[in-house]
């Protein structure tokens, strides 16, 4: 009986962790920031920005096109536009037929 209860609690913890990560990944509240870093990942580009209060926002999902133009955006103040897209939801970068919907930065506009 104890073993069964432990398993249920453990599985519940995994579910809660997944929800928290998903909620963070879809936070589109950052509208303006200074681009500190752009990194091309397996599934998308990842942006690190500093907001107008000096707070760092790491690993915000962005389109691959933004990473391709990283020299243009680095250390610039930008206005962000988000778009909900399908992201590969597999264990590796290889396609497996599973996707998930996620909000990512689709455009960066340099502002003064």
Protein backbone atom coordinates (compact mmCIF):
# COMPACT_ATOMS: atom_id res chain seq x y z
CA UNK A 1 0.00 0.00 0.00
CA UNK A 2 2.79 2.45 0.88
CA UNK A 3 4.53 1.80 -2.43
CA UNK A 4 1.35 2.62 -4.36
CA UNK A 5 0.82 5.91 -2.49
CA UNK A 6 4.44 6.93 -3.13
CA UNK A 7 4.02 6.30 -6.85
CA UNK A 8 0.87 8.43 -7.04
CA UNK A 9 2.54 11.31 -5.19
CA UNK A 10 5.60 11.07 -7.44
CA UNK A 11 3.48 11.15 -10.61
CA UNK A 12 1.53 14.13 -9.29
CA UNK A 13 4.77 16.03 -8.73
CA UNK A 14 5.82 15.38 -12.34
CA UNK A 15 2.48 16.72 -13.60
CA UNK A 16 2.81 19.88 -11.51
CA UNK A 17 6.34 20.48 -12.80
CA UNK A 18 5.17 20.16 -16.40
CA UNK A 19 2.37 22.67 -15.86
CA UNK A 20 4.78 25.18 -14.29
CA UNK A 21 7.29 24.89 -17.13
CA UNK A 22 4.54 25.24 -19.72
CA UNK A 23 3.14 28.35 -18.01
CA UNK A 24 6.58 29.99 -17.94
CA UNK A 25 7.25 29.13 -21.56
CA UNK A 26 4.04 30.84 -22.66
CA UNK A 27 4.52 34.06 -20.69
CA UNK A 28 4.18 36.84 -23.25
CA UNK A 29 4.17 39.73 -20.77
CA UNK A 30 7.61 41.03 -21.81
CA UNK A 31 6.93 43.56 -24.57
CA UNK A 32 10.19 45.57 -24.65
CA UNK A 33 13.74 44.59 -23.74
CA UNK A 34 17.43 44.74 -24.57
CA UNK A 35 18.69 41.61 -26.33
CA UNK A 36 21.57 40.07 -24.37
CA UNK A 37 21.89 36.68 -26.04
CA UNK A 38 20.32 34.60 -28.82
CA UNK A 39 21.05 30.86 -28.97
CA UNK A 40 19.88 28.41 -31.63
CA UNK A 41 18.48 25.28 -29.98
CA UNK A 42 17.13 22.03 -31.39
CA UNK A 43 13.48 23.12 -31.25
CA UNK A 44 13.64 26.91 -31.47
CA UNK A 45 15.79 29.98 -30.86
CA UNK A 46 16.22 31.03 -27.20
CA UNK A 47 16.48 34.70 -26.28
CA UNK A 48 17.79 36.37 -23.12
CA UNK A 49 16.57 39.93 -22.64
CA UNK A 50 16.79 42.65 -19.97
CA UNK A 51 13.49 44.44 -19.30
CA UNK A 52 13.06 48.15 -18.56
CA UNK A 53 13.46 47.48 -14.81
CA UNK A 54 16.79 45.71 -15.28
CA UNK A 55 15.39 42.20 -14.73
CA UNK A 56 16.86 39.40 -16.87
CA UNK A 57 14.48 37.09 -18.76
CA UNK A 58 16.24 33.90 -19.89
CA UNK A 59 15.36 31.26 -22.48
CA UNK A 60 12.35 32.95 -24.04
CA UNK A 61 11.38 30.96 -27.13
CA UNK A 62 11.81 32.74 -30.45
CA UNK A 63 11.72 31.88 -34.15
CA UNK A 64 14.84 30.54 -35.86
CA UNK A 65 14.81 33.61 -38.14
CA UNK A 66 15.54 35.83 -35.14
CA UNK A 67 18.63 33.78 -34.22
CA UNK A 68 19.77 33.92 -37.85
CA UNK A 69 19.91 37.74 -37.51
CA UNK A 70 21.50 37.77 -34.04
CA UNK A 71 24.24 40.28 -34.96
CA UNK A 72 21.52 42.76 -35.93
CA UNK A 73 19.63 42.42 -32.61
CA UNK A 74 22.37 41.92 -29.98
CA UNK A 75 22.55 44.73 -27.40
CA UNK A 76 19.63 46.56 -29.06
CA UNK A 77 16.38 47.65 -27.42
CA UNK A 78 13.53 45.84 -29.16
CA UNK A 79 9.75 45.65 -29.16
CA UNK A 80 8.56 42.02 -29.13
CA UNK A 81 5.72 40.41 -31.06
CA UNK A 82 4.58 36.89 -30.13
CA UNK A 83 2.86 34.20 -32.17
CA UNK A 84 1.44 30.82 -31.16
CA UNK A 85 3.09 28.07 -33.21
CA UNK A 86 3.47 24.29 -33.32
CA UNK A 87 6.73 23.10 -31.75
CA UNK A 88 8.18 19.60 -32.15
CA UNK A 89 7.36 17.67 -28.95
CA UNK A 90 9.77 14.73 -29.29
CA UNK A 91 12.63 13.42 -27.15
CA UNK A 92 15.17 14.52 -29.78
CA UNK A 93 15.27 17.03 -32.63
CA UNK A 94 14.19 14.26 -35.01
CA UNK A 95 10.51 14.53 -36.03
CA UNK A 96 8.20 12.01 -34.33
CA UNK A 97 4.82 13.38 -35.38
CA UNK A 98 4.03 14.99 -32.00
CA UNK A 99 3.78 18.76 -31.57
CA UNK A 100 2.68 21.20 -28.91
CA UNK A 101 1.33 24.76 -29.20
CA UNK A 102 3.58 27.42 -27.70
CA UNK A 103 3.85 31.21 -27.79
CA UNK A 104 7.24 32.37 -29.10
CA UNK A 105 8.74 35.68 -30.19
CA UNK A 106 7.98 35.97 -33.89
CA UNK A 107 9.31 39.51 -34.47
CA UNK A 108 11.74 41.94 -32.91
CA UNK A 109 11.55 45.59 -33.89
CA UNK A 110 14.47 47.80 -32.90
CA UNK A 111 13.30 50.91 -31.02
CA UNK A 112 15.06 53.90 -29.49
